[in-house]
Amino acid sequence: MYICLMDDHIAMNRCISIAKNSGGWNNPNPKVGSIVVHNNRIIGEGFHYKYGSDHAEVMALKSIRKEDENYIKDSILYVNLEPCSHFGKTPPCADLIIKKGIKKVIIGSIDPNPKISGAGIRKLKLAGVKVSVGINEIECQELNKRFFKSIIHGLPYIVLKWAESTDKFIDGKRNSKNVKPYKISSSSAQPIVHSWRSQEEAILVGIKTFIKDKPQLNVRYSSGPNPKKILWIPNHREADKKIIEMASKDNWIIWETSFGESIQKSLKKHLNNCLFRSILIEGGADTINLFFELSIWDECRIIRNKITLNNGVEAPFLPKNNIFRESYCIDNDEVFKYLRK
């Protein structure tokens, strides 16, 4: 490899850039990229592609060509997240770095996982490796905001998403002749929506959406892993038993409220008990509004099309405790992204 670098910040940005190549297959592990640099030249790079596969540092070291192997001991290893120090699905990365004789490691962010958090750095330092931490730290933490939130707070990162007409309806009025959901967003938006799905571990809809729309919730118009499907049933009714049986046979995860339990308490309990790093909430309006009501959300993505419906199902109401992040156009749609304050 003959990519030349200028400083540590550029090198760390390269780690972040290649880490994104995992495309969701890394879940529930964080996105990690690593490069090995000798005299401002990248001689090896790699990223953690899939859960259970080699970590980024291992991939970077394996990628080094035979003619460059003599440079390893005089090289710097960059990685956006602290190297692991324990045996999991794979051996500790810190051990391999030490074994290869690398004398300097530059890390973007400390791993918040209690199994690691500082232990990888300590192991490297005890072996005589010079370690620097905090290069582009904000960008590195942003890259793995799902991982950081779930580890630190014990809750998944929540992304709310819906498509609405220009007069803010998410579905038109249905009757016996028109029972299918209105297709609001353009076909040009489908690939990006499905790519959003591939980035999250799970996707959740309420029972009304499940019954009326029969959603597939897969990534057929994009690439990457299909998320796990969650069916949220806020009210326990006898009539829901057949629906639950049908959903369970199709590998849906059922979240329902027990008798005598409040809807709010039930949802919080399920979120606390789940092991997902992130969940995409795709509807319907009542479900999304519940997340807003409880302030259980991190991002909101709205696709607004130019069509006008005049009546139907009103779109969720975005609360004022938000920060506008960005907007862009796709065909006849405009995408808006917001963060919770």
C-alpha atoms as a PDB file:
ATOM      1  CA  MET A   1       0.000   0.000   0.000  1.00  0.00           C
ATOM      2  CA  TYR A   2       1.340   3.424  -0.890  1.00  0.00           C
ATOM      3  CA  ILE A   3      -1.172   5.799   0.699  1.00  0.00           C
ATOM      4  CA  CYS A   4       0.769   8.684   2.259  1.00  0.00           C
ATOM      5  CA  LEU A   5      -0.366  10.534   5.396  1.00  0.00           C
ATOM      6  CA  MET A   6       0.535  13.865   6.981  1.00  0.00           C
ATOM      7  CA  ASP A   7      -0.460  13.689  10.653  1.00  0.00           C
ATOM      8  CA  ASP A   8      -2.265  11.716  13.375  1.00  0.00           C
ATOM      9  CA  HIS A   9      -5.662  13.321  12.670  1.00  0.00           C
ATOM     10  CA  ILE A  10      -5.597  12.303   9.024  1.00  0.00           C
ATOM     11  CA  ALA A  11      -4.529   8.804  10.029  1.00  0.00           C
ATOM     12  CA  MET A  12      -7.397   8.501  12.531  1.00  0.00           C
ATOM     13  CA  ASN A  13      -9.880   9.768   9.955  1.00  0.00           C
ATOM     14  CA  ARG A  14      -8.697   6.950   7.713  1.00  0.00           C
ATOM     15  CA  CYS A  15      -9.472   4.454  10.519  1.00  0.00           C
ATOM     16  CA  ILE A  16     -12.961   5.915  10.893  1.00  0.00           C
ATOM     17  CA  SER A  17     -13.542   5.838   7.138  1.00  0.00           C
ATOM     18  CA  ILE A  18     -12.650   2.173   6.671  1.00  0.00           C
ATOM     19  CA  ALA A  19     -14.509   1.175   9.865  1.00  0.00           C
ATOM     20  CA  LYS A  20     -17.756   2.217   8.158  1.00  0.00           C
ATOM     21  CA  ASN A  21     -17.268  -0.540   5.577  1.00  0.00           C
ATOM     22  CA  SER A  22     -18.717  -3.104   7.980  1.00  0.00           C
ATOM     23  CA  GLY A  23     -22.200  -2.031   6.877  1.00  0.00           C
ATOM     24  CA  GLY A  24     -23.987  -3.318   9.971  1.00  0.00           C
ATOM     25  CA  TRP A  25     -22.491  -6.818   9.892  1.00  0.00           C
ATOM     26  CA  ASN A  26     -20.332  -5.874  12.903  1.00  0.00           C
ATOM     27  CA  ASN A  27     -23.329  -5.698  15.282  1.00  0.00           C
ATOM     28  CA  PRO A  28     -23.386  -6.033  18.246  1.00  0.00           C
ATOM     29  CA  ASN A  29     -19.672  -5.174  18.152  1.00  0.00           C
ATOM     30  CA  PRO A  30     -18.519  -1.597  17.492  1.00  0.00           C
ATOM     31  CA  LYS A  31     -17.264  -0.345  14.139  1.00  0.00           C
ATOM     32  CA  VAL A  32     -13.470  -0.400  14.203  1.00  0.00           C
ATOM     33  CA  GLY A  33     -10.826   0.418  11.616  1.00  0.00           C
ATOM     34  CA  SER A  34      -7.058   0.217  11.982  1.00  0.00           C
ATOM     35  CA  ILE A  35      -4.013   1.164   9.936  1.00  0.00           C
ATOM     36  CA  VAL A  36      -0.293   0.467  10.291  1.00  0.00           C
ATOM     37  CA  VAL A  37       1.910   3.383   9.222  1.00  0.00           C
ATOM     38  CA  HIS A  38       5.645   3.446   8.505  1.00  0.00           C
ATOM     39  CA  ASN A  39       7.290   6.761   7.634  1.00  0.00           C
ATOM     40  CA  ASN A  40       3.932   8.343   6.699  1.00  0.00           C
ATOM     41  CA  ARG A  41       3.042   5.409   4.446  1.00  0.00           C
ATOM     42  CA  ILE A  42       0.210   2.969   5.174  1.00  0.00           C
ATOM     43  CA  ILE A  43       1.635  -0.534   4.949  1.00  0.00           C
ATOM     44  CA  GLY A  44      -1.440  -2.278   6.327  1.00  0.00           C
ATOM     45  CA  GLU A  45      -5.095  -1.574   7.042  1.00  0.00           C
ATOM     46  CA  GLY A  46      -8.233  -3.447   7.995  1.00  0.00           C
ATOM     47  CA  PHE A  47     -11.613  -3.217   9.659  1.00  0.00           C
ATOM     48  CA  HIS A  48     -13.835  -5.472  11.756  1.00  0.00           C
ATOM     49  CA  TYR A  49     -16.157  -6.824   9.100  1.00  0.00           C
ATOM     50  CA  LYS A  50     -18.471  -9.177  10.958  1.00  0.00           C
ATOM     51  CA  TYR A  51     -19.286 -10.263  14.503  1.00  0.00           C
ATOM     52  CA  GLY A  52     -17.042 -13.216  15.358  1.00  0.00           C
ATOM     53  CA  SER A  53     -14.475 -12.431  12.648  1.00  0.00           C
ATOM     54  CA  ASP A  54     -10.974 -10.993  13.145  1.00  0.00           C
ATOM     55  CA  HIS A  55     -10.812  -7.544  14.704  1.00  0.00           C
ATOM     56  CA  ALA A  56      -9.536  -4.499  12.827  1.00  0.00           C
ATOM     57  CA  GLU A  57      -6.011  -4.580  14.282  1.00  0.00           C
ATOM     58  CA  VAL A  58      -5.596  -8.233  13.295  1.00  0.00           C
ATOM     59  CA  MET A  59      -6.856  -7.543   9.777  1.00  0.00           C
ATOM     60  CA  ALA A  60      -4.493  -4.579   9.421  1.00  0.00           C
ATOM     61  CA  LEU A  61      -1.470  -6.618  10.499  1.00  0.00           C
ATOM     62  CA  LYS A  62      -2.473  -9.550   8.276  1.00  0.00           C
ATOM     63  CA  SER A  63      -2.738  -7.241   5.257  1.00  0.00           C
ATOM     64  CA  ILE A  64       0.916  -6.196   5.407  1.00  0.00           C
ATOM     65  CA  ARG A  65       2.844  -7.473   2.418  1.00  0.00           C
ATOM     66  CA  LYS A  66       5.842  -9.727   2.945  1.00  0.00           C
ATOM     67  CA  GLU A  67       8.271  -7.098   1.667  1.00  0.00           C
ATOM     68  CA  ASP A  68       6.992  -4.644   4.302  1.00  0.00           C
ATOM     69  CA  GLU A  69       7.062  -6.986   7.294  1.00  0.00           C
ATOM     70  CA  ASN A  70      10.521  -5.752   8.351  1.00  0.00           C
ATOM     71  CA  TYR A  71       8.988  -2.295   8.922  1.00  0.00           C
ATOM     72  CA  ILE A  72       6.373  -3.444  11.475  1.00  0.00           C
ATOM     73  CA  LYS A  73       8.543  -2.872  14.565  1.00  0.00           C
ATOM     74  CA  ASP A  74       9.253   0.692  13.464  1.00  0.00           C
ATOM     75  CA  SER A  75       5.614   1.446  12.565  1.00  0.00           C
ATOM     76  CA  ILE A  76       2.714   3.134  14.342  1.00  0.00           C
ATOM     77  CA  LEU A  77      -0.598   1.337  14.700  1.00  0.00           C
ATOM     78  CA  TYR A  78      -3.707   3.553  14.652  1.00  0.00           C
ATOM     79  CA  VAL A  79      -7.134   2.350  15.759  1.00  0.00           C
ATOM     80  CA  ASN A  80     -10.320   4.291  16.518  1.00  0.00           C
ATOM     81  CA  LEU A  81     -11.204   2.180  19.596  1.00  0.00           C
ATOM     82  CA  GLU A  82      -9.024   0.727  22.339  1.00  0.00           C
ATOM     83  CA  PRO A  83      -7.658  -2.751  21.466  1.00  0.00           C
ATOM     84  CA  CYS A  84      -9.326  -5.570  23.374  1.00  0.00           C
ATOM     85  CA  SER A  85      -7.414  -7.312  26.146  1.00  0.00           C
ATOM     86  CA  HIS A  86      -9.600 -10.340  26.849  1.00  0.00           C
ATOM     87  CA  PHE A  87     -10.551 -13.577  25.115  1.00  0.00           C
ATOM     88  CA  GLY A  88     -13.983 -13.393  23.483  1.00  0.00           C
ATOM     89  CA  LYS A  89     -14.892 -14.701  20.042  1.00  0.00           C
ATOM     90  CA  THR A  90     -11.276 -13.929  19.116  1.00  0.00           C
ATOM     91  CA  PRO A  91      -7.945 -13.651  21.024  1.00  0.00           C
ATOM     92  CA  PRO A  92      -6.901 -10.293  22.543  1.00  0.00           C
ATOM     93  CA  CYS A  93      -5.728  -7.760  19.957  1.00  0.00           C
ATOM     94  CA  ALA A  94      -3.379  -6.169  22.502  1.00  0.00           C
ATOM     95  CA  ASP A  95      -1.449  -9.443  22.717  1.00  0.00           C
ATOM     96  CA  LEU A  96      -0.906  -9.600  18.954  1.00  0.00           C
ATOM     97  CA  ILE A  97       0.249  -5.964  18.830  1.00  0.00           C
ATOM     98  CA  ILE A  98       2.816  -6.713  21.540  1.00  0.00           C
ATOM     99  CA  LYS A  99       3.896  -9.928  19.807  1.00  0.00           C
ATOM    100  CA  LYS A 100       4.479  -8.086  16.518  1.00  0.00           C
ATOM    101  CA  GLY A 101       6.802  -5.664  18.296  1.00  0.00           C
ATOM    102  CA  ILE A 102       4.957  -2.444  17.515  1.00  0.00           C
ATOM    103  CA  LYS A 103       6.329   0.272  19.782  1.00  0.00           C
ATOM    104  CA  LYS A 104       3.657   2.976  19.350  1.00  0.00           C
ATOM    105  CA  VAL A 105      -0.140   2.783  19.268  1.00  0.00           C
ATOM    106  CA  ILE A 106      -2.473   5.750  18.785  1.00  0.00           C
ATOM    107  CA  ILE A 107      -6.077   5.243  19.903  1.00  0.00           C
ATOM    108  CA  GLY A 108      -9.106   7.383  19.158  1.00  0.00           C
ATOM    109  CA  SER A 109     -11.243   6.481  22.157  1.00  0.00           C
ATOM    110  CA  ILE A 110     -11.198   4.278  25.251  1.00  0.00           C
ATOM    111  CA  ASP A 111     -13.604   1.326  25.057  1.00  0.00           C
ATOM    112  CA  PRO A 112     -16.500   1.854  27.528  1.00  0.00           C
ATOM    113  CA  ASN A 113     -17.041  -1.898  27.872  1.00  0.00           C
ATOM    114  CA  PRO A 114     -16.173  -2.794  31.517  1.00  0.00           C
ATOM    115  CA  LYS A 115     -14.395  -5.922  30.255  1.00  0.00           C
ATOM    116  CA  ILE A 116     -11.893  -3.710  28.441  1.00  0.00           C
ATOM    117  CA  SER A 117     -12.157  -0.048  29.508  1.00  0.00           C
ATOM    118  CA  GLY A 118      -8.489   0.864  29.954  1.00  0.00           C
ATOM    119  CA  ALA A 119      -7.253  -2.717  30.337  1.00  0.00           C
ATOM    120  CA  GLY A 120      -6.027  -2.891  26.740  1.00  0.00           C
ATOM    121  CA  ILE A 121      -4.108   0.345  27.184  1.00  0.00           C
ATOM    122  CA  ARG A 122      -2.569  -0.840  30.469  1.00  0.00           C
ATOM    123  CA  LYS A 123      -1.483  -4.124  28.896  1.00  0.00           C
ATOM    124  CA  LEU A 124       0.241  -2.296  26.032  1.00  0.00           C
ATOM    125  CA  LYS A 125       1.988   0.140  28.369  1.00  0.00           C
ATOM    126  CA  LEU A 126       3.216  -2.646  30.664  1.00  0.00           C
ATOM    127  CA  ALA A 127       4.791  -4.251  27.602  1.00  0.00           C
ATOM    128  CA  GLY A 128       6.676  -1.028  26.862  1.00  0.00           C
ATOM    129  CA  VAL A 129       4.414   0.214  24.063  1.00  0.00           C
ATOM    130  CA  LYS A 130       4.001   4.000  23.860  1.00  0.00           C
ATOM    131  CA  VAL A 131       0.257   4.739  23.814  1.00  0.00           C
ATOM    132  CA  SER A 132      -1.562   7.969  22.944  1.00  0.00           C
ATOM    133  CA  VAL A 133      -5.337   8.290  23.438  1.00  0.00           C
ATOM    134  CA  GLY A 134      -7.897  10.859  22.293  1.00  0.00           C
ATOM    135  CA  ILE A 135      -7.020  11.680  18.691  1.00  0.00           C
ATOM    136  CA  ASN A 136     -10.300  12.708  16.997  1.00  0.00           C
ATOM    137  CA  GLU A 137     -12.093  11.358  20.068  1.00  0.00           C
ATOM    138  CA  ILE A 138     -15.417  13.081  19.359  1.00  0.00           C
ATOM    139  CA  GLU A 139     -15.539  11.679  15.823  1.00  0.00           C
ATOM    140  CA  CYS A 140     -14.587   8.211  17.072  1.00  0.00           C
ATOM    141  CA  GLN A 141     -17.352   8.250  19.682  1.00  0.00           C
ATOM    142  CA  GLU A 142     -19.854   9.540  17.118  1.00  0.00           C
ATOM    143  CA  LEU A 143     -18.990   6.596  14.870  1.00  0.00           C
ATOM    144  CA  ASN A 144     -19.949   4.180  17.658  1.00  0.00           C
ATOM    145  CA  LYS A 145     -22.689   6.178  19.389  1.00  0.00           C
ATOM    146  CA  ARG A 146     -24.962   3.103  19.413  1.00  0.00           C
ATOM    147  CA  PHE A 147     -22.322   0.988  21.124  1.00  0.00           C
ATOM    148  CA  PHE A 148     -21.414   3.714  23.623  1.00  0.00           C
ATOM    149  CA  LYS A 149     -25.018   4.417  24.632  1.00  0.00           C
ATOM    150  CA  SER A 150     -25.948   0.759  25.114  1.00  0.00           C
ATOM    151  CA  ILE A 151     -22.832   0.056  27.180  1.00  0.00           C
ATOM    152  CA  ILE A 152     -22.958   3.206  29.329  1.00  0.00           C
ATOM    153  CA  HIS A 153     -26.729   3.571  29.806  1.00  0.00           C
ATOM    154  CA  GLY A 154     -27.956   0.014  29.270  1.00  0.00           C
ATOM    155  CA  LEU A 155     -30.450   1.173  26.638  1.00  0.00           C
ATOM    156  CA  PRO A 156     -30.482   0.796  22.856  1.00  0.00           C
ATOM    157  CA  TYR A 157     -29.921   3.774  20.590  1.00  0.00           C
ATOM    158  CA  ILE A 158     -33.380   4.697  19.274  1.00  0.00           C
ATOM    159  CA  VAL A 159     -33.991   6.007  15.755  1.00  0.00           C
ATOM    160  CA  LEU A 160     -37.543   7.121  14.864  1.00  0.00           C
ATOM    161  CA  LYS A 161     -38.516   7.188  11.206  1.00  0.00           C
ATOM    162  CA  TRP A 162     -41.599   7.955   9.160  1.00  0.00           C
ATOM    163  CA  ALA A 163     -42.672   9.263   5.748  1.00  0.00           C
ATOM    164  CA  GLU A 164     -45.264  12.025   5.528  1.00  0.00           C
ATOM    165  CA  SER A 165     -47.137  14.043   2.926  1.00  0.00           C
ATOM    166  CA  THR A 166     -46.568  17.759   2.583  1.00  0.00           C
ATOM    167  CA  ASP A 167     -49.701  18.317   4.713  1.00  0.00           C
ATOM    168  CA  LYS A 168     -48.292  15.914   7.355  1.00  0.00           C
ATOM    169  CA  PHE A 169     -50.244  12.680   6.997  1.00  0.00           C
ATOM    170  CA  ILE A 170     -48.490   9.304   7.101  1.00  0.00           C
ATOM    171  CA  ASP A 171     -51.372   7.411   5.500  1.00  0.00           C
ATOM    172  CA  GLY A 172     -54.496   8.291   3.569  1.00  0.00           C
ATOM    173  CA  LYS A 173     -58.027   7.470   4.620  1.00  0.00           C
ATOM    174  CA  ARG A 174     -58.716   3.798   3.952  1.00  0.00           C
ATOM    175  CA  ASN A 175     -62.008   2.104   3.072  1.00  0.00           C
ATOM    176  CA  SER A 176     -63.165  -1.318   1.903  1.00  0.00           C
ATOM    177  CA  LYS A 177     -62.009  -0.553  -1.652  1.00  0.00           C
ATOM    178  CA  ASN A 178     -58.672   0.897  -0.586  1.00  0.00           C
ATOM    179  CA  VAL A 179     -57.133  -1.173   2.192  1.00  0.00           C
ATOM    180  CA  LYS A 180     -53.486  -0.972   1.177  1.00  0.00           C
ATOM    181  CA  PRO A 181     -51.244   1.658   2.808  1.00  0.00           C
ATOM    182  CA  TYR A 182     -50.567   4.804   0.793  1.00  0.00           C
ATOM    183  CA  LYS A 183     -47.097   4.814  -0.670  1.00  0.00           C
ATOM    184  CA  ILE A 184     -45.863   8.242   0.345  1.00  0.00           C
ATOM    185  CA  SER A 185     -42.107   8.285  -0.216  1.00  0.00           C
ATOM    186  CA  SER A 186     -40.780   7.847  -3.755  1.00  0.00           C
ATOM    187  CA  SER A 187     -39.182   4.650  -5.006  1.00  0.00           C
ATOM    188  CA  SER A 188     -35.881   6.551  -5.117  1.00  0.00           C
ATOM    189  CA  ALA A 189     -35.945   6.734  -1.315  1.00  0.00           C
ATOM    190  CA  GLN A 190     -36.346   2.986  -0.803  1.00  0.00           C
ATOM    191  CA  PRO A 191     -32.638   2.082  -1.058  1.00  0.00           C
ATOM    192  CA  ILE A 192     -31.636   4.647   1.563  1.00  0.00           C
ATOM    193  CA  VAL A 193     -34.449   3.613   3.934  1.00  0.00           C
ATOM    194  CA  HIS A 194     -33.402  -0.011   3.613  1.00  0.00           C
ATOM    195  CA  SER A 195     -29.771   0.925   4.190  1.00  0.00           C
ATOM    196  CA  TRP A 196     -30.935   2.592   7.432  1.00  0.00           C
ATOM    197  CA  ARG A 197     -32.502  -0.718   8.424  1.00  0.00           C
ATOM    198  CA  SER A 198     -29.264  -2.603   7.835  1.00  0.00           C
ATOM    199  CA  GLN A 199     -27.418  -0.307  10.271  1.00  0.00           C
ATOM    200  CA  GLU A 200     -29.703  -1.085  13.218  1.00  0.00           C
ATOM    201  CA  GLU A 201     -29.877  -4.370  15.099  1.00  0.00           C
ATOM    202  CA  ALA A 202     -33.655  -4.427  15.341  1.00  0.00           C
ATOM    203  CA  ILE A 203     -36.722  -2.720  13.933  1.00  0.00           C
ATOM    204  CA  LEU A 204     -39.988  -2.183  15.797  1.00  0.00           C
ATOM    205  CA  VAL A 205     -43.587  -1.559  14.728  1.00  0.00           C
ATOM    206  CA  GLY A 206     -46.842  -1.448  16.639  1.00  0.00           C
ATOM    207  CA  ILE A 207     -49.637  -3.980  16.266  1.00  0.00           C
ATOM    208  CA  LYS A 208     -51.836  -1.659  14.167  1.00  0.00           C
ATOM    209  CA  THR A 209     -49.069  -1.304  11.584  1.00  0.00           C
ATOM    210  CA  PHE A 210     -48.444  -5.064  11.681  1.00  0.00           C
ATOM    211  CA  ILE A 211     -52.118  -5.860  10.985  1.00  0.00           C
ATOM    212  CA  LYS A 212     -52.817  -3.152   8.407  1.00  0.00           C
ATOM    213  CA  ASP A 213     -49.526  -3.121   6.459  1.00  0.00           C
ATOM    214  CA  LYS A 214     -48.065  -6.610   6.945  1.00  0.00           C
ATOM    215  CA  PRO A 215     -44.543  -5.099   6.710  1.00  0.00           C
ATOM    216  CA  GLN A 216     -41.568  -7.201   5.629  1.00  0.00           C
ATOM    217  CA  LEU A 217     -39.004  -4.919   7.316  1.00  0.00           C
ATOM    218  CA  ASN A 218     -36.061  -6.337   5.374  1.00  0.00           C
ATOM    219  CA  VAL A 219     -33.303  -4.747   3.261  1.00  0.00           C
ATOM    220  CA  ARG A 220     -34.380  -6.033  -0.147  1.00  0.00           C
ATOM    221  CA  TYR A 221     -33.627  -2.685  -1.862  1.00  0.00           C
ATOM    222  CA  SER A 222     -30.194  -2.349  -0.288  1.00  0.00           C
ATOM    223  CA  SER A 223     -27.461  -4.580   1.110  1.00  0.00           C
ATOM    224  CA  GLY A 224     -26.426  -5.651   4.570  1.00  0.00           C
ATOM    225  CA  PRO A 225     -28.017  -7.727   7.326  1.00  0.00           C
ATOM    226  CA  ASN A 226     -31.759  -7.810   7.935  1.00  0.00           C
ATOM    227  CA  PRO A 227     -32.643  -6.435  11.376  1.00  0.00           C
ATOM    228  CA  LYS A 228     -34.500  -8.489  13.964  1.00  0.00           C
ATOM    229  CA  LYS A 229     -38.232  -7.708  13.895  1.00  0.00           C
ATOM    230  CA  ILE A 230     -40.050  -6.568  17.046  1.00  0.00           C
ATOM    231  CA  LEU A 231     -43.836  -6.424  17.376  1.00  0.00           C
ATOM    232  CA  TRP A 232     -44.988  -4.006  20.096  1.00  0.00           C
ATOM    233  CA  ILE A 233     -48.393  -4.855  21.605  1.00  0.00           C
ATOM    234  CA  PRO A 234     -49.298  -2.157  24.143  1.00  0.00           C
ATOM    235  CA  ASN A 235     -52.668  -3.600  25.203  1.00  0.00           C
ATOM    236  CA  HIS A 236     -53.076  -7.269  26.099  1.00  0.00           C
ATOM    237  CA  ARG A 237     -56.234  -8.520  24.402  1.00  0.00           C
ATOM    238  CA  GLU A 238     -57.571 -12.015  23.859  1.00  0.00           C
ATOM    239  CA  ALA A 239     -58.007 -11.239  20.151  1.00  0.00           C
ATOM    240  CA  ASP A 240     -54.245 -10.719  19.808  1.00  0.00           C
ATOM    241  CA  LYS A 241     -53.355 -14.359  20.517  1.00  0.00           C
ATOM    242  CA  LYS A 242     -53.667 -15.495  16.893  1.00  0.00           C
ATOM    243  CA  ILE A 243     -51.650 -12.481  15.738  1.00  0.00           C
ATOM    244  CA  ILE A 244     -48.911 -13.317  18.240  1.00  0.00           C
ATOM    245  CA  GLU A 245     -48.824 -16.935  17.058  1.00  0.00           C
ATOM    246  CA  MET A 246     -48.580 -15.830  13.434  1.00  0.00           C
ATOM    247  CA  ALA A 247     -45.817 -13.309  14.175  1.00  0.00           C
ATOM    248  CA  SER A 248     -43.847 -15.783  16.293  1.00  0.00           C
ATOM    249  CA  LYS A 249     -43.820 -18.319  13.450  1.00  0.00           C
ATOM    250  CA  ASP A 250     -42.262 -15.632  11.246  1.00  0.00           C
ATOM    251  CA  ASN A 251     -39.485 -15.005  13.814  1.00  0.00           C
ATOM    252  CA  TRP A 252     -40.900 -11.781  15.238  1.00  0.00           C
ATOM    253  CA  ILE A 253     -39.889 -10.866  18.779  1.00  0.00           C
ATOM    254  CA  ILE A 254     -43.023 -10.075  20.772  1.00  0.00           C
ATOM    255  CA  TRP A 255     -43.075  -7.227  23.271  1.00  0.00           C
ATOM    256  CA  GLU A 256     -46.396  -6.954  25.055  1.00  0.00           C
ATOM    257  CA  THR A 257     -47.800  -5.309  28.146  1.00  0.00           C
ATOM    258  CA  SER A 258     -48.751  -7.658  30.984  1.00  0.00           C
ATOM    259  CA  PHE A 259     -52.119  -7.443  32.719  1.00  0.00           C
ATOM    260  CA  GLY A 260     -52.219  -4.510  35.135  1.00  0.00           C
ATOM    261  CA  GLU A 261     -48.935  -3.064  33.843  1.00  0.00           C
ATOM    262  CA  SER A 262     -48.802   0.461  32.429  1.00  0.00           C
ATOM    263  CA  ILE A 263     -47.837   0.844  28.790  1.00  0.00           C
ATOM    264  CA  GLN A 264     -45.019   3.250  29.689  1.00  0.00           C
ATOM    265  CA  LYS A 265     -43.549   0.932  32.324  1.00  0.00           C
ATOM    266  CA  SER A 266     -43.831  -2.061  30.007  1.00  0.00           C
ATOM    267  CA  LEU A 267     -41.969  -0.380  27.147  1.00  0.00           C
ATOM    268  CA  LYS A 268     -39.176   0.805  29.437  1.00  0.00           C
ATOM    269  CA  LYS A 269     -38.837  -2.709  30.880  1.00  0.00           C
ATOM    270  CA  HIS A 270     -38.518  -4.296  27.440  1.00  0.00           C
ATOM    271  CA  LEU A 271     -35.941  -1.709  26.379  1.00  0.00           C
ATOM    272  CA  ASN A 272     -33.931  -2.231  29.567  1.00  0.00           C
ATOM    273  CA  ASN A 273     -33.997  -6.004  29.206  1.00  0.00           C
ATOM    274  CA  CYS A 274     -33.160  -6.231  25.512  1.00  0.00           C
ATOM    275  CA  LEU A 275     -29.588  -6.739  24.337  1.00  0.00           C
ATOM    276  CA  PHE A 276     -29.857  -4.712  21.145  1.00  0.00           C
ATOM    277  CA  ARG A 277     -27.424  -1.851  20.586  1.00  0.00           C
ATOM    278  CA  SER A 278     -29.967   0.033  18.475  1.00  0.00           C
ATOM    279  CA  ILE A 279     -33.598  -0.109  17.327  1.00  0.00           C
ATOM    280  CA  LEU A 280     -35.262   1.599  14.369  1.00  0.00           C
ATOM    281  CA  ILE A 281     -38.894   2.517  15.104  1.00  0.00           C
ATOM    282  CA  GLU A 282     -40.989   2.544  11.919  1.00  0.00           C
ATOM    283  CA  GLY A 283     -44.476   3.082  13.248  1.00  0.00           C
ATOM    284  CA  GLY A 284     -47.231   3.670  13.476  1.00  0.00           C
ATOM    285  CA  ALA A 285     -47.996   7.143  14.729  1.00  0.00           C
ATOM    286  CA  ASP A 286     -49.201   6.015  18.181  1.00  0.00           C
ATOM    287  CA  THR A 287     -46.031   4.014  18.741  1.00  0.00           C
ATOM    288  CA  ILE A 288     -43.714   6.809  17.636  1.00  0.00           C
ATOM    289  CA  ASN A 289     -45.617   9.366  19.715  1.00  0.00           C
ATOM    290  CA  LEU A 290     -45.172   7.107  22.754  1.00  0.00           C
ATOM    291  CA  PHE A 291     -41.392   7.232  22.337  1.00  0.00           C
ATOM    292  CA  PHE A 292     -41.634  11.025  22.031  1.00  0.00           C
ATOM    293  CA  GLU A 293     -43.883  11.219  25.098  1.00  0.00           C
ATOM    294  CA  LEU A 294     -41.394   9.257  27.186  1.00  0.00           C
ATOM    295  CA  SER A 295     -38.352  11.073  25.661  1.00  0.00           C
ATOM    296  CA  ILE A 296     -36.931   7.680  24.694  1.00  0.00           C
ATOM    297  CA  TRP A 297     -35.296   8.561  21.393  1.00  0.00           C
ATOM    298  CA  ASP A 298     -31.947   9.684  20.020  1.00  0.00           C
ATOM    299  CA  GLU A 299     -32.558  10.432  16.344  1.00  0.00           C
ATOM    300  CA  CYS A 300     -35.581  11.251  14.213  1.00  0.00           C
ATOM    301  CA  ARG A 301     -35.669  10.906  10.420  1.00  0.00           C
ATOM    302  CA  ILE A 302     -38.593  12.294   8.448  1.00  0.00           C
ATOM    303  CA  ILE A 303     -39.122  11.761   4.725  1.00  0.00           C
ATOM    304  CA  ARG A 304     -41.494  14.431   3.389  1.00  0.00           C
ATOM    305  CA  ASN A 305     -42.988  13.978  -0.060  1.00  0.00           C
ATOM    306  CA  LYS A 306     -44.619  16.710  -2.157  1.00  0.00           C
ATOM    307  CA  ILE A 307     -47.956  14.892  -2.383  1.00  0.00           C
ATOM    308  CA  THR A 308     -51.020  16.161  -0.510  1.00  0.00           C
ATOM    309  CA  LEU A 309     -53.470  13.713   1.124  1.00  0.00           C
ATOM    310  CA  ASN A 310     -55.901  16.171   2.780  1.00  0.00           C
ATOM    311  CA  ASN A 311     -56.977  13.572   5.350  1.00  0.00           C
ATOM    312  CA  GLY A 312     -55.980  10.241   6.881  1.00  0.00           C
ATOM    313  CA  VAL A 313     -53.572   9.312   9.681  1.00  0.00           C
ATOM    314  CA  GLU A 314     -51.781  12.318  11.098  1.00  0.00           C
ATOM    315  CA  ALA A 315     -47.997  12.204  11.271  1.00  0.00           C
ATOM    316  CA  PRO A 316     -46.274  12.019  14.674  1.00  0.00           C
ATOM    317  CA  PHE A 317     -45.587  15.363  16.293  1.00  0.00           C
ATOM    318  CA  LEU A 318     -41.873  16.146  16.611  1.00  0.00           C
ATOM    319  CA  PRO A 319     -41.316  17.708  20.073  1.00  0.00           C
ATOM    320  CA  LYS A 320     -39.363  20.918  20.549  1.00  0.00           C
ATOM    321  CA  ASN A 321     -36.508  19.234  22.439  1.00  0.00           C
ATOM    322  CA  ASN A 322     -34.645  18.539  19.208  1.00  0.00           C
ATOM    323  CA  ILE A 323     -31.581  19.704  17.327  1.00  0.00           C
ATOM    324  CA  PHE A 324     -31.829  19.984  13.554  1.00  0.00           C
ATOM    325  CA  ARG A 325     -28.983  17.968  12.037  1.00  0.00           C
ATOM    326  CA  GLU A 326     -29.359  18.078   8.254  1.00  0.00           C
ATOM    327  CA  SER A 327     -31.701  17.861   5.276  1.00  0.00           C
ATOM    328  CA  TYR A 328     -31.305  16.725   1.683  1.00  0.00           C
ATOM    329  CA  CYS A 329     -33.458  15.854  -1.322  1.00  0.00           C
ATOM    330  CA  ILE A 330     -34.075  12.525  -3.032  1.00  0.00           C
ATOM    331  CA  ASP A 331     -36.290  12.849  -6.100  1.00  0.00           C
ATOM    332  CA  ASN A 332     -39.624  14.225  -4.810  1.00  0.00           C
ATOM    333  CA  ASP A 333     -38.692  13.610  -1.184  1.00  0.00           C
ATOM    334  CA  GLU A 334     -36.877  15.768   1.309  1.00  0.00           C
ATOM    335  CA  VAL A 335     -35.165  13.997   4.203  1.00  0.00           C
ATOM    336  CA  PHE A 336     -34.899  15.736   7.568  1.00  0.00           C
ATOM    337  CA  LYS A 337     -32.738  14.491  10.431  1.00  0.00           C
ATOM    338  CA  TYR A 338     -33.026  15.606  14.050  1.00  0.00           C
ATOM    339  CA  LEU A 339     -31.253  14.712  17.300  1.00  0.00           C
ATOM    340  CA  ARG A 340     -32.784  14.825  20.769  1.00  0.00           C
ATOM    341  CA  LYS A 341     -31.393  17.574  22.986  1.00  0.00           C
END
